[in-house]
Amino acid sequence: MGHSETGHHHYVEKAQARFFGTDDPNICYLQIVGKYADLVHDRSFDTHETLRIPEGVYKVRKQVEHTPEGWRQVQD
């Protein structure tokens, strides 16, 4: 599950997907097993539809931003 300070969480059911880490902490890979997996938006307000992701391998990057102190992961 992707965590957010504002409660804007997303998740993919574990049975449908596999995550693989890399040497870069800001990059991982998502493998969808089967015809598709659903990316669920888990928030009770200001929500959007569940997104259907087709079978395949996807590169996932954590969003970063530059600040005067250096690079940091973006927070909602």
N, C-alpha and C. Protein backbone atom coordinates (compact mmCIF):
# COMPACT_ATOMS: atom_id res chain seq x y z
N MET A 1 0.84 -1.17 0.00
CA MET A 1 0.00 0.00 0.00
C MET A 1 0.89 1.23 0.00
N GLY A 2 0.52 2.20 -0.82
CA GLY A 2 1.20 3.48 -0.80
C GLY A 2 0.60 4.34 0.29
N HIS A 3 1.42 4.83 1.21
CA HIS A 3 0.94 5.62 2.34
C HIS A 3 1.02 7.09 2.03
N SER A 4 0.10 7.86 2.62
CA SER A 4 0.06 9.29 2.43
C SER A 4 -0.30 9.98 3.73
N GLU A 5 0.25 11.14 3.96
CA GLU A 5 -0.07 11.92 5.15
C GLU A 5 -1.54 12.35 5.16
N THR A 6 -2.16 12.50 4.00
CA THR A 6 -3.54 12.95 3.91
C THR A 6 -4.54 11.80 3.86
N GLY A 7 -4.06 10.57 4.00
CA GLY A 7 -4.96 9.42 3.94
C GLY A 7 -5.33 9.02 2.52
N HIS A 8 -4.56 9.46 1.55
CA HIS A 8 -4.80 9.17 0.14
C HIS A 8 -4.02 7.89 -0.21
N HIS A 9 -4.54 6.75 0.23
CA HIS A 9 -3.86 5.47 0.07
C HIS A 9 -4.30 4.74 -1.19
N HIS A 10 -3.37 4.00 -1.77
CA HIS A 10 -3.66 3.14 -2.92
C HIS A 10 -3.07 1.77 -2.64
N TYR A 11 -3.74 0.73 -3.14
CA TYR A 11 -3.16 -0.61 -3.01
C TYR A 11 -3.61 -1.52 -4.15
N VAL A 12 -2.80 -2.55 -4.37
CA VAL A 12 -3.10 -3.61 -5.33
C VAL A 12 -3.15 -4.89 -4.51
N GLU A 13 -4.17 -5.71 -4.73
CA GLU A 13 -4.28 -6.97 -4.01
C GLU A 13 -3.03 -7.82 -4.22
N LYS A 14 -2.47 -8.36 -3.14
CA LYS A 14 -1.23 -9.15 -3.22
C LYS A 14 -1.38 -10.37 -4.13
N ALA A 15 -2.55 -10.97 -4.16
CA ALA A 15 -2.75 -12.16 -4.99
C ALA A 15 -2.63 -11.83 -6.47
N GLN A 16 -2.82 -10.58 -6.84
CA GLN A 16 -2.80 -10.16 -8.25
C GLN A 16 -1.45 -9.60 -8.68
N ALA A 17 -0.56 -9.32 -7.74
CA ALA A 17 0.65 -8.57 -8.10
C ALA A 17 1.85 -8.98 -7.27
N ARG A 18 3.02 -8.69 -7.82
CA ARG A 18 4.29 -8.90 -7.11
C ARG A 18 5.12 -7.64 -7.27
N PHE A 19 5.73 -7.21 -6.18
CA PHE A 19 6.64 -6.07 -6.23
C PHE A 19 8.07 -6.57 -6.10
N PHE A 20 8.99 -5.96 -6.86
CA PHE A 20 10.40 -6.30 -6.83
C PHE A 20 11.19 -5.02 -6.58
N GLY A 21 12.02 -5.02 -5.55
CA GLY A 21 12.85 -3.87 -5.25
C GLY A 21 14.08 -3.81 -6.14
N THR A 22 14.75 -2.66 -6.11
CA THR A 22 15.99 -2.46 -6.86
C THR A 22 17.02 -1.84 -5.92
N ASP A 23 18.20 -1.57 -6.44
CA ASP A 23 19.23 -0.89 -5.64
C ASP A 23 18.85 0.56 -5.36
N ASP A 24 17.96 1.13 -6.17
CA ASP A 24 17.51 2.51 -5.99
C ASP A 24 16.25 2.50 -5.13
N PRO A 25 16.26 3.13 -3.94
CA PRO A 25 15.07 3.10 -3.07
C PRO A 25 13.86 3.83 -3.64
N ASN A 26 14.04 4.60 -4.71
CA ASN A 26 12.93 5.33 -5.32
C ASN A 26 12.32 4.61 -6.52
N ILE A 27 12.82 3.40 -6.82
CA ILE A 27 12.32 2.64 -7.97
C ILE A 27 12.06 1.19 -7.56
N CYS A 28 10.91 0.66 -7.99
CA CYS A 28 10.63 -0.77 -7.86
C CYS A 28 9.86 -1.19 -9.10
N TYR A 29 9.62 -2.48 -9.23
CA TYR A 29 8.86 -3.01 -10.35
C TYR A 29 7.62 -3.71 -9.83
N LEU A 30 6.53 -3.56 -10.56
CA LEU A 30 5.26 -4.19 -10.25
C LEU A 30 4.93 -5.17 -11.38
N GLN A 31 4.75 -6.44 -11.03
CA GLN A 31 4.35 -7.44 -12.02
C GLN A 31 2.91 -7.82 -11.75
N ILE A 32 2.04 -7.60 -12.74
CA ILE A 32 0.65 -7.99 -12.63
C ILE A 32 0.52 -9.42 -13.12
N VAL A 33 -0.04 -10.27 -12.28
CA VAL A 33 -0.18 -11.70 -12.57
C VAL A 33 -1.64 -11.96 -12.93
N GLY A 34 -1.89 -12.57 -14.06
CA GLY A 34 -3.26 -12.79 -14.53
C GLY A 34 -3.62 -11.71 -15.53
N LYS A 35 -4.90 -11.63 -15.89
CA LYS A 35 -5.32 -10.68 -16.92
C LYS A 35 -5.21 -9.23 -16.48
N TYR A 36 -5.42 -8.96 -15.19
CA TYR A 36 -5.38 -7.59 -14.70
C TYR A 36 -5.30 -7.58 -13.17
N ALA A 37 -5.04 -6.41 -12.62
CA ALA A 37 -5.11 -6.17 -11.18
C ALA A 37 -5.80 -4.83 -10.99
N ASP A 38 -6.50 -4.68 -9.89
CA ASP A 38 -7.17 -3.43 -9.59
C ASP A 38 -6.35 -2.61 -8.60
N LEU A 39 -6.11 -1.35 -8.97
CA LEU A 39 -5.47 -0.39 -8.08
C LEU A 39 -6.59 0.34 -7.37
N VAL A 40 -6.72 0.11 -6.07
CA VAL A 40 -7.83 0.62 -5.28
C VAL A 40 -7.43 1.91 -4.58
N HIS A 41 -8.31 2.89 -4.65
CA HIS A 41 -8.13 4.17 -3.97
C HIS A 41 -8.88 4.06 -2.65
N ASP A 42 -8.15 3.99 -1.53
CA ASP A 42 -8.73 3.70 -0.23
C ASP A 42 -8.87 4.98 0.59
N ARG A 43 -9.91 5.75 0.29
CA ARG A 43 -10.20 6.96 1.06
C ARG A 43 -11.71 7.18 0.97
N SER A 44 -12.33 7.60 2.05
CA SER A 44 -13.79 7.70 2.10
C SER A 44 -14.35 8.98 1.48
N PHE A 45 -13.49 9.95 1.15
CA PHE A 45 -13.96 11.21 0.57
C PHE A 45 -13.06 11.59 -0.59
N ASP A 46 -13.56 12.44 -1.47
CA ASP A 46 -12.78 12.95 -2.60
C ASP A 46 -12.00 11.82 -3.27
N THR A 47 -12.70 10.76 -3.58
CA THR A 47 -12.06 9.55 -4.10
C THR A 47 -12.17 9.49 -5.63
N HIS A 48 -11.46 8.56 -6.22
CA HIS A 48 -11.60 8.33 -7.66
C HIS A 48 -11.85 6.85 -7.89
N GLU A 49 -12.20 6.52 -9.10
CA GLU A 49 -12.51 5.14 -9.46
C GLU A 49 -11.31 4.22 -9.25
N THR A 50 -11.60 2.95 -9.03
CA THR A 50 -10.56 1.93 -9.03
C THR A 50 -10.00 1.85 -10.45
N LEU A 51 -8.70 1.74 -10.57
CA LEU A 51 -8.05 1.67 -11.88
C LEU A 51 -7.69 0.22 -12.19
N ARG A 52 -7.99 -0.24 -13.36
CA ARG A 52 -7.68 -1.61 -13.79
C ARG A 52 -6.36 -1.58 -14.55
N ILE A 53 -5.38 -2.35 -14.07
CA ILE A 53 -4.05 -2.40 -14.67
C ILE A 53 -3.90 -3.72 -15.41
N PRO A 54 -3.62 -3.68 -16.72
CA PRO A 54 -3.45 -4.91 -17.49
C PRO A 54 -2.21 -5.71 -17.06
N GLU A 55 -2.24 -6.99 -17.36
CA GLU A 55 -1.10 -7.88 -17.09
C GLU A 55 0.17 -7.31 -17.70
N GLY A 56 1.28 -7.42 -16.98
CA GLY A 56 2.56 -6.93 -17.48
C GLY A 56 3.49 -6.57 -16.34
N VAL A 57 4.63 -5.99 -16.69
CA VAL A 57 5.61 -5.54 -15.70
C VAL A 57 5.73 -4.02 -15.84
N TYR A 58 5.66 -3.32 -14.73
CA TYR A 58 5.66 -1.86 -14.71
C TYR A 58 6.74 -1.33 -13.79
N LYS A 59 7.42 -0.30 -14.24
CA LYS A 59 8.40 0.39 -13.41
C LYS A 59 7.66 1.43 -12.58
N VAL A 60 7.87 1.41 -11.27
CA VAL A 60 7.20 2.33 -10.35
C VAL A 60 8.25 3.24 -9.74
N ARG A 61 8.05 4.54 -9.88
CA ARG A 61 8.99 5.51 -9.32
C ARG A 61 8.31 6.32 -8.24
N LYS A 62 8.97 6.48 -7.11
CA LYS A 62 8.47 7.38 -6.08
C LYS A 62 8.76 8.79 -6.54
N GLN A 63 7.79 9.67 -6.39
CA GLN A 63 7.97 11.05 -6.82
C GLN A 63 8.87 11.78 -5.84
N VAL A 64 9.85 12.50 -6.37
CA VAL A 64 10.77 13.29 -5.53
C VAL A 64 10.74 14.74 -5.98
N GLU A 65 11.15 15.61 -5.07
CA GLU A 65 11.22 17.04 -5.39
C GLU A 65 12.50 17.61 -4.82
N HIS A 66 12.97 18.69 -5.41
CA HIS A 66 14.19 19.34 -4.94
C HIS A 66 13.82 20.47 -4.00
N THR A 67 14.50 20.53 -2.87
CA THR A 67 14.33 21.59 -1.89
C THR A 67 15.70 22.22 -1.66
N PRO A 68 15.78 23.35 -0.96
CA PRO A 68 17.10 23.93 -0.65
C PRO A 68 18.01 22.95 0.10
N GLU A 69 17.40 22.01 0.83
CA GLU A 69 18.19 21.03 1.59
C GLU A 69 18.60 19.84 0.74
N GLY A 70 18.04 19.71 -0.46
CA GLY A 70 18.35 18.58 -1.35
C GLY A 70 17.08 17.88 -1.80
N TRP A 71 17.23 16.68 -2.38
CA TRP A 71 16.10 15.92 -2.89
C TRP A 71 15.37 15.24 -1.74
N ARG A 72 14.04 15.18 -1.85
CA ARG A 72 13.22 14.46 -0.85
C ARG A 72 12.01 13.85 -1.53
N GLN A 73 11.45 12.82 -0.89
CA GLN A 73 10.26 12.17 -1.42
C GLN A 73 9.07 13.12 -1.24
N VAL A 74 8.22 13.21 -2.26
CA VAL A 74 7.04 14.08 -2.22
C VAL A 74 6.06 13.52 -1.22
N GLN A 75 5.48 14.38 -0.41
CA GLN A 75 4.44 14.01 0.56
C GLN A 75 3.13 14.65 0.13
N ASP A 76 2.03 13.90 0.20
CA ASP A 76 0.70 14.47 -0.11
C ASP A 76 0.33 15.49 0.93
